Amino acid sequence: MNKLLRNKRKLCRVLLALAVIMMFAAVFAMPAMAEEASAPESAEAAAGSALGLKALAAGIAVGVAAAGGAVGMGLATAKSTESISRQPEAEGKIRTTLMLGLVFIETAIIYALLVVILIIFVL
């Protein structure tokens, strides 16, 4: 039970750190989204502004996907190593399941990358 509580605390710390990082990213991105109220924008300036917002959204999306995938892969690897150390005779099955899980995690990250590419070039 004590180990479960420690793992919960670690997860809360990681989520809190991620929330703080996202908050700072939002605060530092605000000047990029600011615009002048007095001067009317031309069509070219509006297109450039939209492209900048797309790039910002794409960067955040890929960053969150990569961070989530990295955390998931790290946890999967740690748990599989722990399982192999507890039951060395089941190493083959554990390793096969680990590789399959890592492939699925990486596929989710690649899907996020494809969505970002669609956002940049299609929308």
PDB file of N, CA and C in Angstrom:
ATOM      1  N   MET A   1       0.830  -1.198   0.000  1.00  0.00           N
ATOM      2  CA  MET A   1       0.000   0.000   0.000  1.00  0.00           C
ATOM      3  C   MET A   1       0.872   1.258   0.000  1.00  0.00           C
ATOM      4  N   ASN A   2       1.989   1.184   0.746  1.00  0.00           N
ATOM      5  CA  ASN A   2       2.883   2.327   0.837  1.00  0.00           C
ATOM      6  C   ASN A   2       3.513   2.626  -0.519  1.00  0.00           C
ATOM      7  N   LYS A   3       3.840   1.579  -1.284  1.00  0.00           N
ATOM      8  CA  LYS A   3       4.434   1.754  -2.608  1.00  0.00           C
ATOM      9  C   LYS A   3       3.424   2.397  -3.560  1.00  0.00           C
ATOM     10  N   LEU A   4       2.161   1.983  -3.450  1.00  0.00           N
ATOM     11  CA  LEU A   4       1.106   2.571  -4.279  1.00  0.00           C
ATOM     12  C   LEU A   4       0.945   4.051  -3.971  1.00  0.00           C
ATOM     13  N   LEU A   5       1.027   4.414  -2.707  1.00  0.00           N
ATOM     14  CA  LEU A   5       0.920   5.813  -2.306  1.00  0.00           C
ATOM     15  C   LEU A   5       2.091   6.629  -2.842  1.00  0.00           C
ATOM     16  N   ARG A   6       3.314   6.040  -2.811  1.00  0.00           N
ATOM     17  CA  ARG A   6       4.472   6.747  -3.351  1.00  0.00           C
ATOM     18  C   ARG A   6       4.342   6.944  -4.859  1.00  0.00           C
ATOM     19  N   ASN A   7       3.851   5.918  -5.554  1.00  0.00           N
ATOM     20  CA  ASN A   7       3.658   6.041  -7.001  1.00  0.00           C
ATOM     21  C   ASN A   7       2.612   7.100  -7.327  1.00  0.00           C
ATOM     22  N   LYS A   8       1.571   7.170  -6.506  1.00  0.00           N
ATOM     23  CA  LYS A   8       0.540   8.186  -6.708  1.00  0.00           C
ATOM     24  C   LYS A   8       1.117   9.587  -6.507  1.00  0.00           C
ATOM     25  N   ARG A   9       1.954   9.728  -5.512  1.00  0.00           N
ATOM     26  CA  ARG A   9       2.580  11.031  -5.255  1.00  0.00           C
ATOM     27  C   ARG A   9       3.500  11.431  -6.398  1.00  0.00           C
ATOM     28  N   LYS A  10       4.260  10.458  -6.927  1.00  0.00           N
ATOM     29  CA  LYS A  10       5.133  10.755  -8.060  1.00  0.00           C
ATOM     30  C   LYS A  10       4.322  11.189  -9.263  1.00  0.00           C
ATOM     31  N   LEU A  11       3.220  10.492  -9.519  1.00  0.00           N
ATOM     32  CA  LEU A  11       2.365  10.853 -10.643  1.00  0.00           C
ATOM     33  C   LEU A  11       1.781  12.249 -10.461  1.00  0.00           C
ATOM     34  N   CYS A  12       1.374  12.579  -9.241  1.00  0.00           N
ATOM     35  CA  CYS A  12       0.846  13.920  -8.974  1.00  0.00           C
ATOM     36  C   CYS A  12       1.908  14.983  -9.194  1.00  0.00           C
ATOM     37  N   ARG A  13       3.137  14.693  -8.809  1.00  0.00           N
ATOM     38  CA  ARG A  13       4.229  15.654  -9.022  1.00  0.00           C
ATOM     39  C   ARG A  13       4.505  15.857 -10.502  1.00  0.00           C
ATOM     40  N   VAL A  14       4.485  14.765 -11.264  1.00  0.00           N
ATOM     41  CA  VAL A  14       4.724  14.869 -12.709  1.00  0.00           C
ATOM     42  C   VAL A  14       3.610  15.664 -13.372  1.00  0.00           C
ATOM     43  N   LEU A  15       2.368  15.383 -13.000  1.00  0.00           N
ATOM     44  CA  LEU A  15       1.246  16.120 -13.580  1.00  0.00           C
ATOM     45  C   LEU A  15       1.280  17.591 -13.188  1.00  0.00           C
ATOM     46  N   LEU A  16       1.659  17.886 -11.963  1.00  0.00           N
ATOM     47  CA  LEU A  16       1.777  19.269 -11.526  1.00  0.00           C
ATOM     48  C   LEU A  16       2.875  19.987 -12.299  1.00  0.00           C
ATOM     49  N   ALA A  17       4.013  19.318 -12.497  1.00  0.00           N
ATOM     50  CA  ALA A  17       5.106  19.920 -13.261  1.00  0.00           C
ATOM     51  C   ALA A  17       4.677  20.158 -14.699  1.00  0.00           C
ATOM     52  N   LEU A  18       3.957  19.218 -15.291  1.00  0.00           N
ATOM     53  CA  LEU A  18       3.464  19.386 -16.658  1.00  0.00           C
ATOM     54  C   LEU A  18       2.486  20.551 -16.748  1.00  0.00           C
ATOM     55  N   ALA A  19       1.618  20.700 -15.747  1.00  0.00           N
ATOM     56  CA  ALA A  19       0.670  21.809 -15.742  1.00  0.00           C
ATOM     57  C   ALA A  19       1.389  23.151 -15.621  1.00  0.00           C
ATOM     58  N   VAL A  20       2.423  23.200 -14.794  1.00  0.00           N
ATOM     59  CA  VAL A  20       3.189  24.447 -14.644  1.00  0.00           C
ATOM     60  C   VAL A  20       3.912  24.790 -15.937  1.00  0.00           C
ATOM     61  N   ILE A  21       4.490  23.784 -16.597  1.00  0.00           N
ATOM     62  CA  ILE A  21       5.168  24.020 -17.871  1.00  0.00           C
ATOM     63  C   ILE A  21       4.191  24.532 -18.915  1.00  0.00           C
ATOM     64  N   MET A  22       3.011  23.934 -18.988  1.00  0.00           N
ATOM     65  CA  MET A  22       1.997  24.379 -19.953  1.00  0.00           C
ATOM     66  C   MET A  22       1.542  25.805 -19.647  1.00  0.00           C
ATOM     67  N   MET A  23       1.433  26.149 -18.357  1.00  0.00           N
ATOM     68  CA  MET A  23       1.033  27.502 -17.980  1.00  0.00           C
ATOM     69  C   MET A  23       2.085  28.514 -18.426  1.00  0.00           C
ATOM     70  N   PHE A  24       3.360  28.205 -18.189  1.00  0.00           N
ATOM     71  CA  PHE A  24       4.419  29.105 -18.635  1.00  0.00           C
ATOM     72  C   PHE A  24       4.457  29.217 -20.151  1.00  0.00           C
ATOM     73  N   ALA A  25       4.220  28.117 -20.848  1.00  0.00           N
ATOM     74  CA  ALA A  25       4.198  28.159 -22.311  1.00  0.00           C
ATOM     75  C   ALA A  25       3.072  29.057 -22.794  1.00  0.00           C
ATOM     76  N   ALA A  26       1.914  28.982 -22.144  1.00  0.00           N
ATOM     77  CA  ALA A  26       0.793  29.831 -22.535  1.00  0.00           C
ATOM     78  C   ALA A  26       1.092  31.300 -22.261  1.00  0.00           C
ATOM     79  N   VAL A  27       1.721  31.579 -21.130  1.00  0.00           N
ATOM     80  CA  VAL A  27       2.040  32.966 -20.789  1.00  0.00           C
ATOM     81  C   VAL A  27       3.062  33.547 -21.758  1.00  0.00           C
ATOM     82  N   PHE A  28       4.074  32.761 -22.107  1.00  0.00           N
ATOM     83  CA  PHE A  28       5.092  33.260 -23.015  1.00  0.00           C
ATOM     84  C   PHE A  28       4.604  33.326 -24.456  1.00  0.00           C
ATOM     85  N   ALA A  29       3.546  32.601 -24.786  1.00  0.00           N
ATOM     86  CA  ALA A  29       3.006  32.630 -26.146  1.00  0.00           C
ATOM     87  C   ALA A  29       2.015  33.777 -26.346  1.00  0.00           C
ATOM     88  N   MET A  30       1.560  34.400 -25.274  1.00  0.00           N
ATOM     89  CA  MET A  30       0.575  35.474 -25.407  1.00  0.00           C
ATOM     90  C   MET A  30       1.049  36.651 -26.255  1.00  0.00           C
ATOM     91  N   PRO A  31       2.286  37.114 -26.119  1.00  0.00           N
ATOM     92  CA  PRO A  31       2.708  38.219 -26.994  1.00  0.00           C
ATOM     93  C   PRO A  31       2.670  37.853 -28.472  1.00  0.00           C
ATOM     94  N   ALA A  32       2.858  36.597 -28.797  1.00  0.00           N
ATOM     95  CA  ALA A  32       2.805  36.185 -30.199  1.00  0.00           C
ATOM     96  C   ALA A  32       1.391  36.276 -30.751  1.00  0.00           C
ATOM     97  N   MET A  33       0.402  36.166 -29.861  1.00  0.00           N
ATOM     98  CA  MET A  33      -0.985  36.226 -30.304  1.00  0.00           C
ATOM     99  C   MET A  33      -1.583  37.621 -30.199  1.00  0.00           C
ATOM    100  N   ALA A  34      -0.848  38.572 -29.664  1.00  0.00           N
ATOM    101  CA  ALA A  34      -1.354  39.927 -29.523  1.00  0.00           C
ATOM    102  C   ALA A  34      -1.343  40.629 -30.877  1.00  0.00           C
ATOM    103  N   GLU A  35      -2.298  41.512 -31.060  1.00  0.00           N
ATOM    104  CA  GLU A  35      -2.341  42.271 -32.303  1.00  0.00           C
ATOM    105  C   GLU A  35      -2.716  43.723 -32.008  1.00  0.00           C
ATOM    106  N   GLU A  36      -2.363  44.588 -32.917  1.00  0.00           N
ATOM    107  CA  GLU A  36      -2.655  45.997 -32.738  1.00  0.00           C
ATOM    108  C   GLU A  36      -4.114  46.264 -33.059  1.00  0.00           C
ATOM    109  N   ALA A  37      -4.743  47.092 -32.237  1.00  0.00           N
ATOM    110  CA  ALA A  37      -6.152  47.390 -32.442  1.00  0.00           C
ATOM    111  C   ALA A  37      -6.347  48.555 -33.412  1.00  0.00           C
ATOM    112  N   SER A  38      -5.347  49.404 -33.576  1.00  0.00           N
ATOM    113  CA  SER A  38      -5.539  50.619 -34.361  1.00  0.00           C
ATOM    114  C   SER A  38      -5.370  50.403 -35.858  1.00  0.00           C
ATOM    115  N   ALA A  39      -4.457  49.556 -36.269  1.00  0.00           N
ATOM    116  CA  ALA A  39      -4.176  49.401 -37.693  1.00  0.00           C
ATOM    117  C   ALA A  39      -4.944  48.218 -38.271  1.00  0.00           C
ATOM    118  N   PRO A  40      -5.697  48.451 -39.368  1.00  0.00           N
ATOM    119  CA  PRO A  40      -6.393  47.316 -39.978  1.00  0.00           C
ATOM    120  C   PRO A  40      -5.376  46.391 -40.654  1.00  0.00           C
ATOM    121  N   GLU A  41      -5.644  45.084 -40.595  1.00  0.00           N
ATOM    122  CA  GLU A  41      -4.727  44.112 -41.163  1.00  0.00           C
ATOM    123  C   GLU A  41      -5.003  43.888 -42.638  1.00  0.00           C
ATOM    124  N   SER A  42      -3.965  43.681 -43.379  1.00  0.00           N
ATOM    125  CA  SER A  42      -4.131  43.294 -44.774  1.00  0.00           C
ATOM    126  C   SER A  42      -4.332  41.786 -44.836  1.00  0.00           C
ATOM    127  N   ALA A  43      -4.659  41.286 -45.998  1.00  0.00           N
ATOM    128  CA  ALA A  43      -4.886  39.848 -46.168  1.00  0.00           C
ATOM    129  C   ALA A  43      -3.602  39.065 -45.928  1.00  0.00           C
ATOM    130  N   GLU A  44      -2.472  39.635 -46.346  1.00  0.00           N
ATOM    131  CA  GLU A  44      -1.196  38.941 -46.154  1.00  0.00           C
ATOM    132  C   GLU A  44      -0.826  38.866 -44.672  1.00  0.00           C
ATOM    133  N   ALA A  45      -1.085  39.927 -43.928  1.00  0.00           N
ATOM    134  CA  ALA A  45      -0.768  39.923 -42.499  1.00  0.00           C
ATOM    135  C   ALA A  45      -1.658  38.939 -41.758  1.00  0.00           C
ATOM    136  N   ALA A  46      -2.924  38.854 -42.151  1.00  0.00           N
ATOM    137  CA  ALA A  46      -3.837  37.904 -41.517  1.00  0.00           C
ATOM    138  C   ALA A  46      -3.403  36.475 -41.800  1.00  0.00           C
ATOM    139  N   ALA A  47      -2.947  36.213 -43.018  1.00  0.00           N
ATOM    140  CA  ALA A  47      -2.486  34.871 -43.367  1.00  0.00           C
ATOM    141  C   ALA A  47      -1.228  34.524 -42.578  1.00  0.00           C
ATOM    142  N   GLY A  48      -0.338  35.488 -42.402  1.00  0.00           N
ATOM    143  CA  GLY A  48       0.870  35.247 -41.618  1.00  0.00           C
ATOM    144  C   GLY A  48       0.556  34.986 -40.159  1.00  0.00           C
ATOM    145  N   SER A  49      -0.445  35.702 -39.628  1.00  0.00           N
ATOM    146  CA  SER A  49      -0.849  35.500 -38.246  1.00  0.00           C
ATOM    147  C   SER A  49      -1.456  34.107 -38.066  1.00  0.00           C
ATOM    148  N   ALA A  50      -2.269  33.689 -39.027  1.00  0.00           N
ATOM    149  CA  ALA A  50      -2.877  32.361 -38.949  1.00  0.00           C
ATOM    150  C   ALA A  50      -1.816  31.277 -39.031  1.00  0.00           C
ATOM    151  N   LEU A  51      -0.820  31.489 -39.866  1.00  0.00           N
ATOM    152  CA  LEU A  51       0.256  30.510 -39.983  1.00  0.00           C
ATOM    153  C   LEU A  51       1.043  30.415 -38.675  1.00  0.00           C
ATOM    154  N   GLY A  52       1.261  31.543 -38.026  1.00  0.00           N
ATOM    155  CA  GLY A  52       1.960  31.532 -36.745  1.00  0.00           C
ATOM    156  C   GLY A  52       1.179  30.788 -35.673  1.00  0.00           C
ATOM    157  N   LEU A  53      -0.147  30.978 -35.648  1.00  0.00           N
ATOM    158  CA  LEU A  53      -0.977  30.272 -34.670  1.00  0.00           C
ATOM    159  C   LEU A  53      -1.007  28.773 -34.966  1.00  0.00           C
ATOM    160  N   LYS A  54      -1.008  28.423 -36.249  1.00  0.00           N
ATOM    161  CA  LYS A  54      -0.958  27.001 -36.607  1.00  0.00           C
ATOM    162  C   LYS A  54       0.352  26.383 -36.139  1.00  0.00           C
ATOM    163  N   ALA A  55       1.446  27.115 -36.320  1.00  0.00           N
ATOM    164  CA  ALA A  55       2.748  26.602 -35.890  1.00  0.00           C
ATOM    165  C   ALA A  55       2.794  26.440 -34.372  1.00  0.00           C
ATOM    166  N   LEU A  56       2.204  27.384 -33.648  1.00  0.00           N
ATOM    167  CA  LEU A  56       2.155  27.297 -32.192  1.00  0.00           C
ATOM    168  C   LEU A  56       1.331  26.088 -31.757  1.00  0.00           C
ATOM    169  N   ALA A  57       0.162  25.900 -32.377  1.00  0.00           N
ATOM    170  CA  ALA A  57      -0.687  24.761 -32.041  1.00  0.00           C
ATOM    171  C   ALA A  57       0.010  23.445 -32.379  1.00  0.00           C
ATOM    172  N   ALA A  58       0.707  23.424 -33.509  1.00  0.00           N
ATOM    173  CA  ALA A  58       1.407  22.204 -33.912  1.00  0.00           C
ATOM    174  C   ALA A  58       2.521  21.870 -32.929  1.00  0.00           C
ATOM    175  N   GLY A  59       3.262  22.876 -32.511  1.00  0.00           N
ATOM    176  CA  GLY A  59       4.342  22.637 -31.553  1.00  0.00           C
ATOM    177  C   GLY A  59       3.837  22.115 -30.218  1.00  0.00           C
ATOM    178  N   ILE A  60       2.752  22.695 -29.737  1.00  0.00           N
ATOM    179  CA  ILE A  60       2.175  22.239 -28.471  1.00  0.00           C
ATOM    180  C   ILE A  60       1.643  20.821 -28.608  1.00  0.00           C
ATOM    181  N   ALA A  61       0.958  20.523 -29.719  1.00  0.00           N
ATOM    182  CA  ALA A  61       0.387  19.190 -29.914  1.00  0.00           C
ATOM    183  C   ALA A  61       1.471  18.116 -29.979  1.00  0.00           C
ATOM    184  N   VAL A  62       2.511  18.368 -30.747  1.00  0.00           N
ATOM    185  CA  VAL A  62       3.593  17.375 -30.855  1.00  0.00           C
ATOM    186  C   VAL A  62       4.324  17.242 -29.523  1.00  0.00           C
ATOM    187  N   GLY A  63       4.516  18.354 -28.827  1.00  0.00           N
ATOM    188  CA  GLY A  63       5.186  18.301 -27.524  1.00  0.00           C
ATOM    189  C   GLY A  63       4.417  17.487 -26.500  1.00  0.00           C
ATOM    190  N   VAL A  64       3.107  17.699 -26.438  1.00  0.00           N
ATOM    191  CA  VAL A  64       2.291  16.949 -25.482  1.00  0.00           C
ATOM    192  C   VAL A  64       2.262  15.472 -25.859  1.00  0.00           C
ATOM    193  N   ALA A  65       2.127  15.175 -27.154  1.00  0.00           N
ATOM    194  CA  ALA A  65       2.106  13.774 -27.592  1.00  0.00           C
ATOM    195  C   ALA A  65       3.428  13.086 -27.285  1.00  0.00           C
ATOM    196  N   ALA A  66       4.527  13.763 -27.554  1.00  0.00           N
ATOM    197  CA  ALA A  66       5.839  13.165 -27.296  1.00  0.00           C
ATOM    198  C   ALA A  66       6.080  12.986 -25.798  1.00  0.00           C
ATOM    199  N   ALA A  67       5.668  13.961 -25.007  1.00  0.00           N
ATOM    200  CA  ALA A  67       5.851  13.850 -23.553  1.00  0.00           C
ATOM    201  C   ALA A  67       5.013  12.704 -22.983  1.00  0.00           C
ATOM    202  N   GLY A  68       3.763  12.610 -23.437  1.00  0.00           N
ATOM    203  CA  GLY A  68       2.906  11.519 -22.972  1.00  0.00           C
ATOM    204  C   GLY A  68       3.446  10.164 -23.390  1.00  0.00           C
ATOM    205  N   GLY A  69       3.926  10.082 -24.628  1.00  0.00           N
ATOM    206  CA  GLY A  69       4.502   8.828 -25.101  1.00  0.00           C
ATOM    207  C   GLY A  69       5.759   8.452 -24.347  1.00  0.00           C
ATOM    208  N   ALA A  70       6.577   9.441 -24.037  1.00  0.00           N
ATOM    209  CA  ALA A  70       7.816   9.164 -23.297  1.00  0.00           C
ATOM    210  C   ALA A  70       7.510   8.671 -21.886  1.00  0.00           C
ATOM    211  N   VAL A  71       6.539   9.286 -21.247  1.00  0.00           N
ATOM    212  CA  VAL A  71       6.157   8.830 -19.902  1.00  0.00           C
ATOM    213  C   VAL A  71       5.602   7.410 -19.968  1.00  0.00           C
ATOM    214  N   GLY A  72       4.740   7.161 -20.954  1.00  0.00           N
ATOM    215  CA  GLY A  72       4.174   5.819 -21.102  1.00  0.00           C
ATOM    216  C   GLY A  72       5.223   4.769 -21.389  1.00  0.00           C
ATOM    217  N   MET A  73       6.164   5.090 -22.271  1.00  0.00           N
ATOM    218  CA  MET A  73       7.229   4.130 -22.583  1.00  0.00           C
ATOM    219  C   MET A  73       8.128   3.881 -21.378  1.00  0.00           C
ATOM    220  N   GLY A  74       8.420   4.921 -20.632  1.00  0.00           N
ATOM    221  CA  GLY A  74       9.243   4.760 -19.440  1.00  0.00           C
ATOM    222  C   GLY A  74       8.584   3.880 -18.394  1.00  0.00           C
ATOM    223  N   LEU A  75       7.294   4.110 -18.176  1.00  0.00           N
ATOM    224  CA  LEU A  75       6.575   3.287 -17.197  1.00  0.00           C
ATOM    225  C   LEU A  75       6.486   1.833 -17.662  1.00  0.00           C
ATOM    226  N   ALA A  76       6.209   1.631 -18.958  1.00  0.00           N
ATOM    227  CA  ALA A  76       6.118   0.264 -19.474  1.00  0.00           C
ATOM    228  C   ALA A  76       7.446  -0.466 -19.347  1.00  0.00           C
ATOM    229  N   THR A  77       8.526   0.216 -19.679  1.00  0.00           N
ATOM    230  CA  THR A  77       9.844  -0.403 -19.581  1.00  0.00           C
ATOM    231  C   THR A  77      10.196  -0.721 -18.129  1.00  0.00           C
ATOM    232  N   ALA A  78       9.894   0.190 -17.234  1.00  0.00           N
ATOM    233  CA  ALA A  78      10.193  -0.035 -15.819  1.00  0.00           C
ATOM    234  C   ALA A  78       9.407  -1.221 -15.273  1.00  0.00           C
ATOM    235  N   LYS A  79       8.141  -1.291 -15.596  1.00  0.00           N
ATOM    236  CA  LYS A  79       7.315  -2.383 -15.088  1.00  0.00           C
ATOM    237  C   LYS A  79       7.710  -3.721 -15.702  1.00  0.00           C
ATOM    238  N   SER A  80       8.085  -3.718 -16.976  1.00  0.00           N
ATOM    239  CA  SER A  80       8.495  -4.991 -17.584  1.00  0.00           C
ATOM    240  C   SER A  80       9.817  -5.477 -16.994  1.00  0.00           C
ATOM    241  N   THR A  81      10.728  -4.554 -16.728  1.00  0.00           N
ATOM    242  CA  THR A  81      11.994  -4.931 -16.097  1.00  0.00           C
ATOM    243  C   THR A  81      11.756  -5.498 -14.698  1.00  0.00           C
ATOM    244  N   GLU A  82      10.849  -4.869 -13.984  1.00  0.00           N
ATOM    245  CA  GLU A  82      10.499  -5.360 -12.654  1.00  0.00           C
ATOM    246  C   GLU A  82       9.865  -6.744 -12.739  1.00  0.00           C
ATOM    247  N   SER A  83       8.998  -6.950 -13.732  1.00  0.00           N
ATOM    248  CA  SER A  83       8.347  -8.244 -13.900  1.00  0.00           C
ATOM    249  C   SER A  83       9.348  -9.331 -14.268  1.00  0.00           C
ATOM    250  N   ILE A  84      10.298  -9.000 -15.140  1.00  0.00           N
ATOM    251  CA  ILE A  84      11.312  -9.979 -15.537  1.00  0.00           C
ATOM    252  C   ILE A  84      12.195 -10.346 -14.350  1.00  0.00           C
ATOM    253  N   SER A  85      12.503  -9.372 -13.507  1.00  0.00           N
ATOM    254  CA  SER A  85      13.336  -9.674 -12.339  1.00  0.00           C
ATOM    255  C   SER A  85      12.592 -10.545 -11.330  1.00  0.00           C
ATOM    256  N   ARG A  86      11.274 -10.436 -11.282  1.00  0.00           N
ATOM    257  CA  ARG A  86      10.501 -11.263 -10.362  1.00  0.00           C
ATOM    258  C   ARG A  86      10.251 -12.665 -10.908  1.00  0.00           C
ATOM    259  N   GLN A  87      10.043 -12.753 -12.234  1.00  0.00           N
ATOM    260  CA  GLN A  87       9.787 -14.056 -12.859  1.00  0.00           C
ATOM    261  C   GLN A  87      10.665 -14.208 -14.096  1.00  0.00           C
ATOM    262  N   PRO A  88      11.900 -14.598 -13.917  1.00  0.00           N
ATOM    263  CA  PRO A  88      12.809 -14.710 -15.066  1.00  0.00           C
ATOM    264  C   PRO A  88      12.376 -15.753 -16.091  1.00  0.00           C
ATOM    265  N   GLU A  89      11.593 -16.744 -15.668  1.00  0.00           N
ATOM    266  CA  GLU A  89      11.158 -17.777 -16.606  1.00  0.00           C
ATOM    267  C   GLU A  89      10.119 -17.253 -17.607  1.00  0.00           C
ATOM    268  N   ALA A  90       9.484 -16.130 -17.316  1.00  0.00           N
ATOM    269  CA  ALA A  90       8.482 -15.556 -18.215  1.00  0.00           C
ATOM    270  C   ALA A  90       9.053 -14.407 -19.041  1.00  0.00           C
ATOM    271  N   GLU A  91      10.367 -14.367 -19.179  1.00  0.00           N
ATOM    272  CA  GLU A  91      11.013 -13.246 -19.861  1.00  0.00           C
ATOM    273  C   GLU A  91      10.541 -13.081 -21.304  1.00  0.00           C
ATOM    274  N   GLY A  92      10.418 -14.163 -22.039  1.00  0.00           N
ATOM    275  CA  GLY A  92      10.021 -14.088 -23.449  1.00  0.00           C
ATOM    276  C   GLY A  92       8.632 -13.483 -23.629  1.00  0.00           C
ATOM    277  N   LYS A  93       7.682 -13.944 -22.828  1.00  0.00           N
ATOM    278  CA  LYS A  93       6.308 -13.426 -22.938  1.00  0.00           C
ATOM    279  C   LYS A  93       6.238 -11.960 -22.516  1.00  0.00           C
ATOM    280  N   ILE A  94       6.952 -11.623 -21.456  1.00  0.00           N
ATOM    281  CA  ILE A  94       6.943 -10.236 -20.976  1.00  0.00           C
ATOM    282  C   ILE A  94       7.565  -9.311 -22.012  1.00  0.00           C
ATOM    283  N   ARG A  95       8.673  -9.742 -22.592  1.00  0.00           N
ATOM    284  CA  ARG A  95       9.357  -8.916 -23.591  1.00  0.00           C
ATOM    285  C   ARG A  95       8.499  -8.728 -24.846  1.00  0.00           C
ATOM    286  N   THR A  96       7.811  -9.793 -25.265  1.00  0.00           N
ATOM    287  CA  THR A  96       6.926  -9.698 -26.427  1.00  0.00           C
ATOM    288  C   THR A  96       5.788  -8.718 -26.170  1.00  0.00           C
ATOM    289  N   THR A  97       5.190  -8.820 -24.994  1.00  0.00           N
ATOM    290  CA  THR A  97       4.099  -7.909 -24.643  1.00  0.00           C
ATOM    291  C   THR A  97       4.602  -6.471 -24.537  1.00  0.00           C
ATOM    292  N   LEU A  98       5.805  -6.291 -23.997  1.00  0.00           N
ATOM    293  CA  LEU A  98       6.393  -4.954 -23.900  1.00  0.00           C
ATOM    294  C   LEU A  98       6.581  -4.343 -25.281  1.00  0.00           C
ATOM    295  N   MET A  99       7.165  -5.110 -26.196  1.00  0.00           N
ATOM    296  CA  MET A  99       7.405  -4.585 -27.540  1.00  0.00           C
ATOM    297  C   MET A  99       6.104  -4.223 -28.241  1.00  0.00           C
ATOM    298  N   LEU A 100       5.079  -5.043 -28.078  1.00  0.00           N
ATOM    299  CA  LEU A 100       3.784  -4.752 -28.683  1.00  0.00           C
ATOM    300  C   LEU A 100       3.196  -3.467 -28.100  1.00  0.00           C
ATOM    301  N   GLY A 101       3.301  -3.301 -26.787  1.00  0.00           N
ATOM    302  CA  GLY A 101       2.811  -2.078 -26.145  1.00  0.00           C
ATOM    303  C   GLY A 101       3.573  -0.848 -26.591  1.00  0.00           C
ATOM    304  N   LEU A 102       4.902  -0.965 -26.722  1.00  0.00           N
ATOM    305  CA  LEU A 102       5.708   0.172 -27.179  1.00  0.00           C
ATOM    306  C   LEU A 102       5.350   0.559 -28.610  1.00  0.00           C
ATOM    307  N   VAL A 103       5.045  -0.435 -29.433  1.00  0.00           N
ATOM    308  CA  VAL A 103       4.634  -0.139 -30.808  1.00  0.00           C
ATOM    309  C   VAL A 103       3.329   0.638 -30.812  1.00  0.00           C
ATOM    310  N   PHE A 104       2.379   0.253 -29.974  1.00  0.00           N
ATOM    311  CA  PHE A 104       1.105   0.973 -29.925  1.00  0.00           C
ATOM    312  C   PHE A 104       1.285   2.407 -29.418  1.00  0.00           C
ATOM    313  N   ILE A 105       2.150   2.588 -28.436  1.00  0.00           N
ATOM    314  CA  ILE A 105       2.411   3.936 -27.927  1.00  0.00           C
ATOM    315  C   ILE A 105       3.042   4.800 -29.017  1.00  0.00           C
ATOM    316  N   GLU A 106       4.010   4.242 -29.716  1.00  0.00           N
ATOM    317  CA  GLU A 106       4.680   4.990 -30.781  1.00  0.00           C
ATOM    318  C   GLU A 106       3.718   5.299 -31.923  1.00  0.00           C
ATOM    319  N   THR A 107       2.782   4.394 -32.189  1.00  0.00           N
ATOM    320  CA  THR A 107       1.776   4.639 -33.225  1.00  0.00           C
ATOM    321  C   THR A 107       0.899   5.831 -32.855  1.00  0.00           C
ATOM    322  N   ALA A 108       0.545   5.946 -31.594  1.00  0.00           N
ATOM    323  CA  ALA A 108      -0.259   7.099 -31.165  1.00  0.00           C
ATOM    324  C   ALA A 108       0.507   8.402 -31.363  1.00  0.00           C
ATOM    325  N   ILE A 109       1.799   8.393 -31.119  1.00  0.00           N
ATOM    326  CA  ILE A 109       2.621   9.598 -31.326  1.00  0.00           C
ATOM    327  C   ILE A 109       2.694   9.933 -32.815  1.00  0.00           C
ATOM    328  N   ILE A 110       2.820   8.919 -33.657  1.00  0.00           N
ATOM    329  CA  ILE A 110       2.866   9.163 -35.106  1.00  0.00           C
ATOM    330  C   ILE A 110       1.530   9.706 -35.599  1.00  0.00           C
ATOM    331  N   TYR A 111       0.420   9.210 -35.044  1.00  0.00           N
ATOM    332  CA  TYR A 111      -0.890   9.767 -35.409  1.00  0.00           C
ATOM    333  C   TYR A 111      -0.971  11.247 -35.030  1.00  0.00           C
ATOM    334  N   ALA A 112      -0.442  11.615 -33.888  1.00  0.00           N
ATOM    335  CA  ALA A 112      -0.430  13.025 -33.493  1.00  0.00           C
ATOM    336  C   ALA A 112       0.390  13.847 -34.475  1.00  0.00           C
ATOM    337  N   LEU A 113       1.519  13.299 -34.923  1.00  0.00           N
ATOM    338  CA  LEU A 113       2.336  13.990 -35.913  1.00  0.00           C
ATOM    339  C   LEU A 113       1.576  14.170 -37.228  1.00  0.00           C
ATOM    340  N   LEU A 114       0.847  13.152 -37.655  1.00  0.00           N
ATOM    341  CA  LEU A 114       0.046  13.267 -38.877  1.00  0.00           C
ATOM    342  C   LEU A 114      -1.044  14.324 -38.743  1.00  0.00           C
ATOM    343  N   VAL A 115      -1.680  14.388 -37.590  1.00  0.00           N
ATOM    344  CA  VAL A 115      -2.708  15.410 -37.366  1.00  0.00           C
ATOM    345  C   VAL A 115      -2.087  16.792 -37.428  1.00  0.00           C
ATOM    346  N   VAL A 116      -0.897  16.951 -36.858  1.00  0.00           N
ATOM    347  CA  VAL A 116      -0.215  18.242 -36.889  1.00  0.00           C
ATOM    348  C   VAL A 116       0.134  18.625 -38.329  1.00  0.00           C
ATOM    349  N   ILE A 117       0.603  17.673 -39.115  1.00  0.00           N
ATOM    350  CA  ILE A 117       0.910  17.960 -40.518  1.00  0.00           C
ATOM    351  C   ILE A 117      -0.357  18.378 -41.261  1.00  0.00           C
ATOM    352  N   LEU A 118      -1.471  17.722 -40.978  1.00  0.00           N
ATOM    353  CA  LEU A 118      -2.738  18.127 -41.602  1.00  0.00           C
ATOM    354  C   LEU A 118      -3.152  19.526 -41.176  1.00  0.00           C
ATOM    355  N   ILE A 119      -2.947  19.852 -39.911  1.00  0.00           N
ATOM    356  CA  ILE A 119      -3.292  21.194 -39.427  1.00  0.00           C
ATOM    357  C   ILE A 119      -2.478  22.248 -40.171  1.00  0.00           C
ATOM    358  N   ILE A 120      -1.194  22.003 -40.333  1.00  0.00           N
ATOM    359  CA  ILE A 120      -0.320  22.992 -40.951  1.00  0.00           C
ATOM    360  C   ILE A 120      -0.624  23.165 -42.437  1.00  0.00           C
ATOM    361  N   PHE A 121      -0.766  22.062 -43.151  1.00  0.00           N
ATOM    362  CA  PHE A 121      -0.846  22.158 -44.606  1.00  0.00           C
ATOM    363  C   PHE A 121      -2.263  22.162 -45.175  1.00  0.00           C
ATOM    364  N   VAL A 122      -3.253  21.647 -44.460  1.00  0.00           N
ATOM    365  CA  VAL A 122      -4.611  21.577 -45.005  1.00  0.00           C
ATOM    366  C   VAL A 122      -5.501  22.687 -44.473  1.00  0.00           C
ATOM    367  N   LEU A 123      -5.462  22.949 -43.203  1.00  0.00           N
ATOM    368  CA  LEU A 123      -6.351  23.967 -42.628  1.00  0.00           C
ATOM    369  C   LEU A 123      -5.865  25.369 -42.877  1.00  0.00           C
TER     370      LEU A 123
END
